[in-house]
Protein backbone atom coordinates (compact mmCIF):
# COMPACT_ATOMS: atom_id res chain seq x y z
CA MET A 1 0.17 0.34 -0.46
CA PHE A 2 2.87 2.38 0.96
CA ARG A 3 4.80 1.87 -2.59
CA THR A 4 2.28 2.22 -4.00
CA PHE A 5 1.12 5.60 -2.56
CA ALA A 6 4.58 6.67 -2.57
CA LEU A 7 4.95 5.19 -7.10
CA GLY A 8 1.63 7.59 -6.92
CA LEU A 9 3.35 10.69 -5.59
CA ALA A 10 6.74 10.72 -7.27
CA PHE A 11 4.38 10.55 -10.73
CA ALA A 12 2.21 13.53 -9.60
CA GLY A 13 5.60 15.17 -9.17
CA LEU A 14 7.08 14.31 -12.56
CA ALA A 15 4.10 15.24 -14.12
CA GLY A 16 3.72 18.59 -12.38
CA ILE A 17 7.99 19.69 -13.52
CA ALA A 18 6.55 18.60 -17.32
CA HIS A 19 4.01 21.23 -16.33
CA ALA A 20 5.96 23.73 -15.57
CA GLN A 21 8.87 23.03 -18.56
CA ASP A 22 5.52 23.53 -20.76
CA ILE A 23 5.49 27.78 -20.60
CA GLY A 24 8.17 28.22 -22.66
CA GLY A 25 7.85 29.34 -26.39
CA SER A 26 6.91 32.71 -29.06
CA TYR A 27 3.46 34.03 -27.60
CA THR A 28 0.65 36.56 -29.24
CA VAL A 29 0.35 39.42 -26.67
CA GLU A 30 -2.80 41.22 -26.45
CA GLY A 31 -3.03 44.22 -23.74
CA THR A 32 -4.62 47.12 -22.20
CA ASN A 33 -2.54 50.16 -20.37
CA HIS A 34 -3.60 51.42 -17.85
CA ASP A 35 -5.24 53.76 -19.54
CA GLY A 36 -7.74 51.78 -20.94
CA SER A 37 -5.51 52.31 -25.08
CA ALA A 38 -5.49 48.72 -26.12
CA TYR A 39 -1.71 47.43 -27.68
CA GLU A 40 -0.51 43.82 -28.85
CA GLY A 41 2.93 42.42 -29.83
CA THR A 42 4.48 39.13 -29.33
CA ALA A 43 6.53 37.60 -26.09
CA GLU A 44 9.44 35.28 -25.95
CA ILE A 45 9.26 32.65 -22.87
CA THR A 46 13.37 31.07 -22.13
CA LEU A 47 13.57 28.44 -18.85
CA THR A 48 16.46 29.09 -16.66
CA SER A 49 15.21 26.03 -14.52
CA ASP A 50 11.80 23.60 -14.28
CA THR A 51 10.36 26.26 -12.09
CA THR A 52 12.11 29.70 -13.82
CA CYS A 53 12.24 31.97 -16.89
CA GLU A 54 12.75 34.64 -18.44
CA ILE A 55 10.39 36.28 -20.65
CA ASN A 56 10.88 39.30 -23.74
CA TRP A 57 8.20 41.35 -24.94
CA VAL A 58 7.88 43.28 -28.31
CA THR A 59 5.13 45.35 -27.82
CA GLY A 60 5.37 47.89 -30.38
CA PRO A 61 8.25 50.32 -30.31
CA SER A 62 8.38 48.74 -27.36
CA GLU A 63 10.38 46.26 -25.39
CA SER A 64 11.28 44.48 -22.34
CA HIS A 65 12.93 41.95 -20.54
CA GLY A 66 12.46 40.28 -17.71
CA ILE A 67 12.52 37.19 -14.83
CA CYS A 68 9.65 34.74 -14.45
CA SER A 69 8.72 31.71 -12.36
CA ARG A 70 5.67 29.33 -12.62
CA ASN A 71 3.86 27.71 -9.37
CA GLY A 72 0.69 25.48 -10.41
CA ASN A 73 -1.61 28.08 -12.43
CA ALA A 74 0.00 30.83 -11.13
CA PHE A 75 2.58 32.56 -13.77
CA ALA A 76 4.69 35.60 -12.79
CA ALA A 77 7.24 38.04 -14.56
CA ALA A 78 8.60 41.12 -13.32
CA TYR A 79 10.35 43.28 -15.98
CA VAL A 80 11.66 46.75 -16.51
CA LEU A 81 10.77 48.65 -19.69
CA ASN A 82 11.83 51.98 -19.96
CA ASN A 83 14.25 51.70 -16.68
CA SER A 84 10.53 51.42 -14.34
CA VAL A 85 10.19 47.98 -12.74
CA GLY A 86 6.78 46.70 -13.36
CA LEU A 87 5.35 42.98 -12.21
CA VAL A 88 2.93 40.85 -14.39
CA ILE A 89 1.14 37.91 -12.62
CA TYR A 90 -1.02 35.93 -15.17
CA MET A 91 -3.05 32.92 -14.50
CA VAL A 92 -2.42 29.89 -16.70
CA LYS A 93 -6.00 28.23 -18.26
CA PRO A 94 -6.10 24.87 -19.59
CA ASP A 95 -5.58 25.28 -23.14
CA GLY A 96 -2.03 26.79 -22.54
CA SER A 97 -3.41 30.86 -22.56
CA MET A 98 -2.27 32.85 -19.64
CA GLU A 99 -4.75 35.88 -18.58
CA GLY A 100 -2.87 38.46 -16.53
CA LEU A 101 -2.86 41.95 -14.53
CA TRP A 102 0.29 43.97 -14.28
CA THR A 103 1.38 47.25 -13.05
CA ILE A 104 4.56 49.95 -13.27
CA GLN A 105 6.54 51.91 -11.02
CA GLY A 106 5.38 55.31 -11.02
CA GLN A 107 2.22 54.85 -12.85
CA SER A 108 -1.38 53.70 -10.37
CA GLY A 109 -3.69 50.93 -11.23
CA THR A 110 -3.46 48.27 -13.36
CA GLY A 111 -3.60 47.41 -17.39
CA THR A 112 -4.17 43.48 -18.35
CA GLU A 113 -2.78 41.53 -20.95
CA ASN A 114 -3.11 38.46 -22.15
CA LEU A 115 -0.82 35.81 -23.70
CA PHE A 116 -1.93 33.14 -26.58
CA PRO A 117 0.85 29.84 -27.65
CA ALA A 118 1.70 31.00 -31.23
CA ASN A 119 1.22 28.34 -33.73
């Protein structure tokens, strides 16, 4: 009985690691700024470990770079845009897309951002 339980935990752990690894890749970006104006672009997520990564966005004329991490269906990134520090928190959906809210130093309120796996 214990052996079955232990094997089940081991397989669950391996599934969790594989799930974390599937976040890397290219995404299309659709979002809204603090003022409600829309933007779009691309994002590239590069894994640096089973749970951490680097993320690069290109949205219009802007480019930003950051670090990121995933825990279950929560995915967060800290980034720098025009010398200001920002934070975005996403919920990873079953289809691989992500729905998030972001903020940046020196601005009140939040923007929204959705990432969709690029095909």
